[in-house]
């Protein structure tokens, strides 16, 4: 078992992705920051947020990103 960081992506408060694992919190946060786009508050596009959480996983058969 190893500790990794799981990227969680939400659109309008609903989880739309929780399957990307990263070895580094810095890399995970960079992806989260890139995903989040703040648009005009009057836009009809969904509000997107993303964050990383630590998770203990079994690495066999799991794709874990380094970059």
C-alpha atoms as a PDB file:
ATOM      1  CA  UNK A   1       0.000   0.000   0.000  1.00  0.00           C
ATOM      2  CA  UNK A   2       1.219   3.512  -0.797  1.00  0.00           C
ATOM      3  CA  UNK A   3      -0.050   7.023  -0.231  1.00  0.00           C
ATOM      4  CA  UNK A   4      -0.997   8.980  -3.349  1.00  0.00           C
ATOM      5  CA  UNK A   5      -3.110  12.033  -4.121  1.00  0.00           C
ATOM      6  CA  UNK A   6      -6.513  11.660  -5.759  1.00  0.00           C
ATOM      7  CA  UNK A   7      -7.767  14.452  -8.001  1.00  0.00           C
ATOM      8  CA  UNK A   8     -11.494  15.103  -7.569  1.00  0.00           C
ATOM      9  CA  UNK A   9     -13.287  17.233 -10.172  1.00  0.00           C
ATOM     10  CA  UNK A  10     -16.776  18.668  -9.660  1.00  0.00           C
ATOM     11  CA  UNK A  11     -19.162  20.413 -12.053  1.00  0.00           C
ATOM     12  CA  UNK A  12     -21.956  22.340 -10.361  1.00  0.00           C
ATOM     13  CA  UNK A  13     -21.186  20.486  -7.122  1.00  0.00           C
ATOM     14  CA  UNK A  14     -21.461  16.996  -8.643  1.00  0.00           C
ATOM     15  CA  UNK A  15     -18.382  14.769  -8.810  1.00  0.00           C
ATOM     16  CA  UNK A  16     -17.572  14.095 -12.462  1.00  0.00           C
ATOM     17  CA  UNK A  17     -14.124  12.542 -12.048  1.00  0.00           C
ATOM     18  CA  UNK A  18     -12.310  10.769  -9.241  1.00  0.00           C
ATOM     19  CA  UNK A  19      -9.989   8.356 -11.003  1.00  0.00           C
ATOM     20  CA  UNK A  20      -6.687  10.223 -11.463  1.00  0.00           C
ATOM     21  CA  UNK A  21      -3.949   9.419  -8.959  1.00  0.00           C
ATOM     22  CA  UNK A  22      -0.668  11.319  -8.519  1.00  0.00           C
ATOM     23  CA  UNK A  23       2.511  10.587  -6.571  1.00  0.00           C
ATOM     24  CA  UNK A  24       3.066  14.284  -5.808  1.00  0.00           C
ATOM     25  CA  UNK A  25       0.659  16.771  -4.240  1.00  0.00           C
ATOM     26  CA  UNK A  26       2.349  19.513  -6.279  1.00  0.00           C
ATOM     27  CA  UNK A  27       1.593  17.767  -9.577  1.00  0.00           C
ATOM     28  CA  UNK A  28      -1.961  16.979  -8.483  1.00  0.00           C
ATOM     29  CA  UNK A  29      -2.550  20.609  -7.485  1.00  0.00           C
ATOM     30  CA  UNK A  30      -1.148  21.823 -10.816  1.00  0.00           C
ATOM     31  CA  UNK A  31      -3.712  19.683 -12.648  1.00  0.00           C
ATOM     32  CA  UNK A  32      -6.490  20.884 -10.349  1.00  0.00           C
ATOM     33  CA  UNK A  33      -5.530  24.503 -10.968  1.00  0.00           C
ATOM     34  CA  UNK A  34      -5.440  23.943 -14.735  1.00  0.00           C
ATOM     35  CA  UNK A  35      -8.903  22.385 -14.734  1.00  0.00           C
ATOM     36  CA  UNK A  36     -10.600  25.168 -12.816  1.00  0.00           C
ATOM     37  CA  UNK A  37     -11.730  27.966 -15.102  1.00  0.00           C
ATOM     38  CA  UNK A  38     -13.428  31.023 -13.663  1.00  0.00           C
ATOM     39  CA  UNK A  39     -15.704  32.613 -16.208  1.00  0.00           C
ATOM     40  CA  UNK A  40     -18.173  35.453 -16.170  1.00  0.00           C
ATOM     41  CA  UNK A  41     -20.593  34.830 -13.247  1.00  0.00           C
ATOM     42  CA  UNK A  42     -23.498  35.364 -15.649  1.00  0.00           C
ATOM     43  CA  UNK A  43     -22.308  32.549 -17.927  1.00  0.00           C
ATOM     44  CA  UNK A  44     -24.507  29.461 -18.286  1.00  0.00           C
ATOM     45  CA  UNK A  45     -21.518  27.106 -18.356  1.00  0.00           C
ATOM     46  CA  UNK A  46     -21.077  24.820 -15.326  1.00  0.00           C
ATOM     47  CA  UNK A  47     -19.106  25.923 -12.290  1.00  0.00           C
ATOM     48  CA  UNK A  48     -16.056  23.640 -12.104  1.00  0.00           C
ATOM     49  CA  UNK A  49     -13.922  23.019  -9.050  1.00  0.00           C
ATOM     50  CA  UNK A  50     -11.123  20.544  -8.377  1.00  0.00           C
ATOM     51  CA  UNK A  51      -9.052  19.510  -5.398  1.00  0.00           C
ATOM     52  CA  UNK A  52      -6.677  16.765  -4.262  1.00  0.00           C
ATOM     53  CA  UNK A  53      -6.991  14.431  -1.307  1.00  0.00           C
ATOM     54  CA  UNK A  54      -4.493  11.928   0.107  1.00  0.00           C
ATOM     55  CA  UNK A  55      -5.450   8.304  -0.339  1.00  0.00           C
ATOM     56  CA  UNK A  56      -3.932   4.957   0.633  1.00  0.00           C
ATOM     57  CA  UNK A  57      -4.086   2.573  -2.348  1.00  0.00           C
ATOM     58  CA  UNK A  58      -2.773  -0.747  -3.595  1.00  0.00           C
ATOM     59  CA  UNK A  59      -0.594   0.314  -6.591  1.00  0.00           C
ATOM     60  CA  UNK A  60      -0.878  -2.932  -8.598  1.00  0.00           C
ATOM     61  CA  UNK A  61      -3.039  -2.327 -11.672  1.00  0.00           C
ATOM     62  CA  UNK A  62      -3.527   1.366 -10.832  1.00  0.00           C
ATOM     63  CA  UNK A  63      -2.296   4.146 -13.112  1.00  0.00           C
ATOM     64  CA  UNK A  64      -0.407   6.666 -10.968  1.00  0.00           C
ATOM     65  CA  UNK A  65       0.823   9.796 -12.721  1.00  0.00           C
ATOM     66  CA  UNK A  66       4.259  11.284 -12.025  1.00  0.00           C
ATOM     67  CA  UNK A  67       3.916  14.360 -14.272  1.00  0.00           C
END
